């Protein structure tokens, strides 16, 4: 199933993102019409990096400092291109796309 998030743009969601409703609609629509194969290629590259088991250090100016190990996790790619295998598994993809999800193996 391909779910189109553009249809879910509301005043409240736009405000939460710090955008005007019209801006939010434009951004979401622009994300739906980009080269989806390019996005799929980039999500595949990122998923491979994550699956190899790198350490990640997330720092923000607000004092967040989290270190994660991602080894042994299979990332979930949201690239809007649905393979037969993914369809048989009931995987839902979204437009706009371009997301790689994973859970950490270890926090330290």
N, C-alpha and C. Protein backbone atom coordinates (compact mmCIF):
# COMPACT_ATOMS: atom_id res chain seq x y z
N UNK A 1 0.84 -1.16 0.00
CA UNK A 1 0.00 0.00 0.00
C UNK A 1 0.89 1.24 0.00
N UNK A 2 0.53 2.22 -0.77
CA UNK A 2 1.23 3.49 -0.81
C UNK A 2 0.30 4.55 -0.23
N UNK A 3 0.70 5.13 0.86
CA UNK A 3 -0.12 6.12 1.54
C UNK A 3 0.41 7.51 1.19
N UNK A 4 -0.48 8.40 0.81
CA UNK A 4 -0.08 9.74 0.42
C UNK A 4 -0.31 10.70 1.58
N UNK A 5 0.78 11.09 2.22
CA UNK A 5 0.72 11.97 3.38
C UNK A 5 0.30 13.38 3.02
N UNK A 6 0.45 13.76 1.75
CA UNK A 6 0.06 15.10 1.31
C UNK A 6 -1.40 15.36 1.66
N UNK A 7 -2.21 14.34 1.61
CA UNK A 7 -3.64 14.48 1.90
C UNK A 7 -3.90 14.80 3.37
N UNK A 8 -2.92 14.61 4.23
CA UNK A 8 -3.10 14.82 5.66
C UNK A 8 -2.64 16.19 6.14
N UNK A 9 -2.30 17.08 5.22
CA UNK A 9 -1.84 18.41 5.61
C UNK A 9 -3.02 19.19 6.20
N UNK A 10 -2.86 19.61 7.44
CA UNK A 10 -3.89 20.41 8.11
C UNK A 10 -3.25 21.67 8.68
N UNK A 11 -4.07 22.61 9.07
CA UNK A 11 -3.57 23.84 9.70
C UNK A 11 -2.74 23.50 10.94
N UNK A 12 -3.25 22.55 11.75
CA UNK A 12 -2.57 22.19 13.00
C UNK A 12 -1.20 21.55 12.73
N UNK A 13 -1.14 20.66 11.75
CA UNK A 13 0.15 20.02 11.44
C UNK A 13 1.14 21.03 10.88
N UNK A 14 0.66 21.93 10.03
CA UNK A 14 1.53 22.96 9.49
C UNK A 14 2.09 23.83 10.61
N UNK A 15 1.23 24.22 11.52
CA UNK A 15 1.65 25.06 12.64
C UNK A 15 2.70 24.35 13.50
N UNK A 16 2.51 23.06 13.74
CA UNK A 16 3.47 22.29 14.54
C UNK A 16 4.85 22.25 13.87
N UNK A 17 4.88 22.34 12.54
CA UNK A 17 6.14 22.35 11.80
C UNK A 17 6.70 23.75 11.62
N UNK A 18 5.95 24.75 12.09
CA UNK A 18 6.39 26.13 11.95
C UNK A 18 6.18 26.70 10.57
N UNK A 19 5.21 26.15 9.85
CA UNK A 19 4.92 26.60 8.48
C UNK A 19 3.50 27.12 8.37
N UNK A 20 3.30 27.98 7.41
CA UNK A 20 1.93 28.37 7.04
C UNK A 20 1.30 27.18 6.33
N UNK A 21 -0.01 27.07 6.39
CA UNK A 21 -0.71 25.94 5.76
C UNK A 21 -0.36 25.82 4.28
N UNK A 22 -0.34 26.94 3.57
CA UNK A 22 -0.02 26.92 2.13
C UNK A 22 1.40 26.42 1.90
N UNK A 23 2.34 26.91 2.72
CA UNK A 23 3.74 26.46 2.60
C UNK A 23 3.84 24.97 2.82
N UNK A 24 3.16 24.48 3.83
CA UNK A 24 3.21 23.07 4.17
C UNK A 24 2.70 22.22 3.01
N UNK A 25 1.60 22.63 2.41
CA UNK A 25 1.04 21.90 1.26
C UNK A 25 2.04 21.88 0.11
N UNK A 26 2.70 23.02 -0.14
CA UNK A 26 3.68 23.10 -1.23
C UNK A 26 4.87 22.18 -0.98
N UNK A 27 5.37 22.17 0.25
CA UNK A 27 6.51 21.33 0.61
C UNK A 27 6.14 19.85 0.45
N UNK A 28 4.98 19.48 0.96
CA UNK A 28 4.55 18.08 0.87
C UNK A 28 4.35 17.66 -0.58
N UNK A 29 3.73 18.50 -1.39
CA UNK A 29 3.50 18.17 -2.79
C UNK A 29 4.83 18.06 -3.54
N UNK A 30 5.75 18.98 -3.27
CA UNK A 30 7.06 18.94 -3.92
C UNK A 30 7.77 17.63 -3.59
N UNK A 31 7.61 17.16 -2.36
CA UNK A 31 8.21 15.89 -1.96
C UNK A 31 7.61 14.69 -2.66
N UNK A 32 6.39 14.83 -3.13
CA UNK A 32 5.71 13.72 -3.82
C UNK A 32 6.13 13.59 -5.28
N UNK A 33 6.65 14.67 -5.86
CA UNK A 33 6.94 14.65 -7.30
C UNK A 33 8.43 14.63 -7.63
N UNK A 34 9.28 14.40 -6.64
CA UNK A 34 10.72 14.28 -6.91
C UNK A 34 11.02 12.91 -7.48
N UNK A 35 12.25 12.71 -7.90
CA UNK A 35 12.68 11.44 -8.48
C UNK A 35 12.70 10.36 -7.40
N UNK A 36 11.72 9.50 -7.42
CA UNK A 36 11.58 8.49 -6.37
C UNK A 36 12.69 7.44 -6.43
N UNK A 37 13.21 7.16 -7.61
CA UNK A 37 14.32 6.19 -7.72
C UNK A 37 15.58 6.73 -7.03
N UNK A 38 15.82 8.05 -7.16
CA UNK A 38 16.95 8.66 -6.47
C UNK A 38 16.82 8.51 -4.96
N UNK A 39 15.62 8.75 -4.45
CA UNK A 39 15.37 8.60 -3.02
C UNK A 39 15.57 7.14 -2.60
N UNK A 40 15.08 6.22 -3.40
CA UNK A 40 15.24 4.79 -3.09
C UNK A 40 16.72 4.42 -3.02
N UNK A 41 17.52 4.94 -3.95
CA UNK A 41 18.96 4.66 -3.94
C UNK A 41 19.62 5.20 -2.67
N UNK A 42 19.25 6.41 -2.27
CA UNK A 42 19.85 7.01 -1.07
C UNK A 42 19.40 6.29 0.20
N UNK A 43 18.14 5.88 0.26
CA UNK A 43 17.69 5.15 1.46
C UNK A 43 18.37 3.79 1.53
N UNK A 44 18.63 3.16 0.40
CA UNK A 44 19.34 1.87 0.37
C UNK A 44 20.76 2.05 0.91
N UNK A 45 21.45 3.12 0.48
CA UNK A 45 22.80 3.39 0.96
C UNK A 45 22.81 3.61 2.47
N UNK A 46 21.88 4.42 2.97
CA UNK A 46 21.83 4.69 4.40
C UNK A 46 21.48 3.43 5.19
N UNK A 47 20.55 2.64 4.68
CA UNK A 47 20.18 1.39 5.35
C UNK A 47 21.38 0.45 5.44
N UNK A 48 22.18 0.40 4.39
CA UNK A 48 23.38 -0.45 4.41
C UNK A 48 24.37 0.02 5.45
N UNK A 49 24.55 1.33 5.58
CA UNK A 49 25.46 1.88 6.59
C UNK A 49 24.97 1.50 7.98
N UNK A 50 23.68 1.66 8.21
CA UNK A 50 23.11 1.34 9.52
C UNK A 50 23.27 -0.15 9.83
N UNK A 51 22.99 -0.98 8.85
CA UNK A 51 23.03 -2.43 9.06
C UNK A 51 24.45 -2.94 9.31
N UNK A 52 25.45 -2.21 8.82
CA UNK A 52 26.84 -2.62 9.05
C UNK A 52 27.23 -2.49 10.51
N UNK A 53 26.48 -1.71 11.28
CA UNK A 53 26.72 -1.66 12.71
C UNK A 53 27.56 -0.51 13.20
N UNK A 54 27.36 0.63 12.67
CA UNK A 54 28.11 1.80 13.10
C UNK A 54 27.62 2.34 14.44
N UNK A 55 28.50 3.06 15.08
CA UNK A 55 28.12 3.80 16.28
C UNK A 55 27.58 5.15 15.83
N UNK A 56 26.58 5.64 16.53
CA UNK A 56 25.99 6.93 16.23
C UNK A 56 26.05 7.78 17.48
N UNK A 57 26.46 9.02 17.32
CA UNK A 57 26.48 9.95 18.44
C UNK A 57 25.61 11.14 18.05
N UNK A 58 24.52 11.33 18.77
CA UNK A 58 23.58 12.41 18.50
C UNK A 58 23.79 13.50 19.54
N UNK A 59 24.17 14.68 19.06
CA UNK A 59 24.40 15.82 19.95
C UNK A 59 23.60 17.01 19.46
N UNK A 60 23.07 17.78 20.40
CA UNK A 60 22.36 19.01 20.05
C UNK A 60 22.90 20.16 20.88
N UNK A 61 22.63 21.38 20.46
CA UNK A 61 23.06 22.55 21.24
C UNK A 61 22.37 22.64 22.60
N UNK A 62 21.31 21.85 22.79
CA UNK A 62 20.54 21.90 24.03
C UNK A 62 21.06 20.91 25.08
N UNK A 63 22.16 20.22 24.78
CA UNK A 63 22.75 19.32 25.77
C UNK A 63 22.49 17.84 25.53
N UNK A 64 21.72 17.49 24.53
CA UNK A 64 21.51 16.08 24.23
C UNK A 64 22.83 15.47 23.78
N UNK A 65 23.16 14.32 24.32
CA UNK A 65 24.36 13.59 23.92
C UNK A 65 24.07 12.11 24.10
N UNK A 66 23.62 11.46 23.03
CA UNK A 66 23.23 10.05 23.08
C UNK A 66 24.15 9.27 22.14
N UNK A 67 24.68 8.17 22.63
CA UNK A 67 25.50 7.29 21.81
C UNK A 67 24.74 5.97 21.63
N UNK A 68 24.71 5.49 20.38
CA UNK A 68 23.98 4.27 20.05
C UNK A 68 24.85 3.35 19.21
N UNK A 69 24.62 2.05 19.34
CA UNK A 69 25.21 1.08 18.44
C UNK A 69 24.07 0.45 17.65
N UNK A 70 24.24 0.37 16.34
CA UNK A 70 23.16 -0.11 15.48
C UNK A 70 23.40 -1.50 14.91
N UNK A 71 24.44 -2.17 15.33
CA UNK A 71 24.80 -3.47 14.79
C UNK A 71 23.65 -4.48 14.98
N UNK A 72 23.43 -5.28 13.96
CA UNK A 72 22.45 -6.36 14.06
C UNK A 72 21.00 -5.95 13.88
N UNK A 73 20.75 -4.74 13.45
CA UNK A 73 19.38 -4.28 13.23
C UNK A 73 19.10 -4.17 11.74
N UNK A 74 17.93 -4.60 11.34
CA UNK A 74 17.54 -4.46 9.94
C UNK A 74 16.70 -3.19 9.80
N UNK A 75 17.23 -2.18 9.11
CA UNK A 75 16.49 -0.94 8.94
C UNK A 75 15.27 -1.12 8.04
N UNK A 76 14.29 -0.29 8.26
CA UNK A 76 13.09 -0.26 7.41
C UNK A 76 13.19 0.97 6.53
N UNK A 77 13.15 0.76 5.23
CA UNK A 77 13.27 1.86 4.28
C UNK A 77 11.89 2.29 3.81
N UNK A 78 11.68 3.59 3.80
CA UNK A 78 10.45 4.14 3.23
C UNK A 78 10.86 4.94 2.00
N UNK A 79 10.76 4.30 0.86
CA UNK A 79 11.23 4.94 -0.38
C UNK A 79 10.16 5.03 -1.46
N UNK A 80 8.95 4.68 -1.16
CA UNK A 80 7.78 4.75 -2.06
C UNK A 80 7.81 3.77 -3.22
N UNK A 81 8.86 2.98 -3.34
CA UNK A 81 8.91 1.96 -4.39
C UNK A 81 8.66 0.61 -3.71
N UNK A 82 7.58 -0.03 -4.08
CA UNK A 82 7.14 -1.23 -3.39
C UNK A 82 7.50 -2.46 -4.22
N UNK A 83 8.33 -3.32 -3.64
CA UNK A 83 8.69 -4.57 -4.32
C UNK A 83 7.61 -5.61 -4.07
N UNK A 84 7.64 -6.67 -4.85
CA UNK A 84 6.68 -7.77 -4.64
C UNK A 84 6.85 -8.37 -3.24
N UNK A 85 8.11 -8.49 -2.79
CA UNK A 85 8.39 -9.03 -1.46
C UNK A 85 7.77 -8.15 -0.38
N UNK A 86 7.95 -6.84 -0.50
CA UNK A 86 7.39 -5.92 0.49
C UNK A 86 5.86 -5.95 0.47
N UNK A 87 5.30 -6.04 -0.72
CA UNK A 87 3.84 -6.11 -0.82
C UNK A 87 3.32 -7.37 -0.15
N UNK A 88 4.03 -8.49 -0.32
CA UNK A 88 3.58 -9.74 0.30
C UNK A 88 3.69 -9.69 1.82
N UNK A 89 4.57 -8.81 2.34
CA UNK A 89 4.74 -8.65 3.78
C UNK A 89 3.79 -7.60 4.35
N UNK A 90 3.02 -6.94 3.48
CA UNK A 90 2.07 -5.93 3.94
C UNK A 90 2.72 -4.62 4.34
N UNK A 91 3.91 -4.34 3.82
CA UNK A 91 4.63 -3.12 4.18
C UNK A 91 3.95 -1.92 3.51
N UNK A 92 3.72 -0.88 4.31
CA UNK A 92 3.11 0.35 3.82
C UNK A 92 4.21 1.36 3.57
N UNK A 93 4.15 2.05 2.45
CA UNK A 93 5.11 3.11 2.14
C UNK A 93 4.35 4.42 1.97
N UNK A 94 5.09 5.52 2.00
CA UNK A 94 4.46 6.83 2.03
C UNK A 94 5.03 7.78 0.99
N UNK A 95 4.22 8.73 0.57
CA UNK A 95 4.66 9.87 -0.22
C UNK A 95 4.33 11.11 0.59
N UNK A 96 5.22 12.07 0.74
CA UNK A 96 6.61 12.02 0.31
C UNK A 96 7.39 10.95 1.07
N UNK A 97 8.45 10.50 0.43
CA UNK A 97 9.24 9.41 0.99
C UNK A 97 10.64 9.88 1.35
N UNK A 98 11.45 8.93 1.80
CA UNK A 98 12.84 9.24 2.09
C UNK A 98 13.19 9.09 3.55
N UNK A 99 12.78 7.99 4.13
CA UNK A 99 13.01 7.77 5.56
C UNK A 99 13.60 6.39 5.76
N UNK A 100 14.55 6.29 6.70
CA UNK A 100 15.10 5.01 7.11
C UNK A 100 14.94 4.91 8.61
N UNK A 101 14.22 3.89 9.07
CA UNK A 101 13.96 3.68 10.49
C UNK A 101 14.78 2.51 11.01
N UNK A 102 15.27 2.66 12.21
CA UNK A 102 15.98 1.56 12.88
C UNK A 102 15.89 1.78 14.37
N UNK A 103 16.13 0.71 15.11
CA UNK A 103 16.19 0.83 16.57
C UNK A 103 17.61 0.53 17.00
N UNK A 104 18.07 1.17 18.06
CA UNK A 104 19.44 0.92 18.50
C UNK A 104 19.59 -0.44 19.15
N UNK A 105 20.76 -0.99 19.06
CA UNK A 105 21.10 -2.26 19.72
C UNK A 105 21.49 -2.00 21.17
N UNK A 106 22.26 -0.94 21.36
CA UNK A 106 22.79 -0.63 22.68
C UNK A 106 22.84 0.88 22.88
N UNK A 107 22.42 1.31 24.05
CA UNK A 107 22.63 2.70 24.47
C UNK A 107 23.81 2.69 25.42
N UNK A 108 24.64 3.69 25.36
CA UNK A 108 25.72 3.78 26.34
C UNK A 108 26.10 5.22 26.55
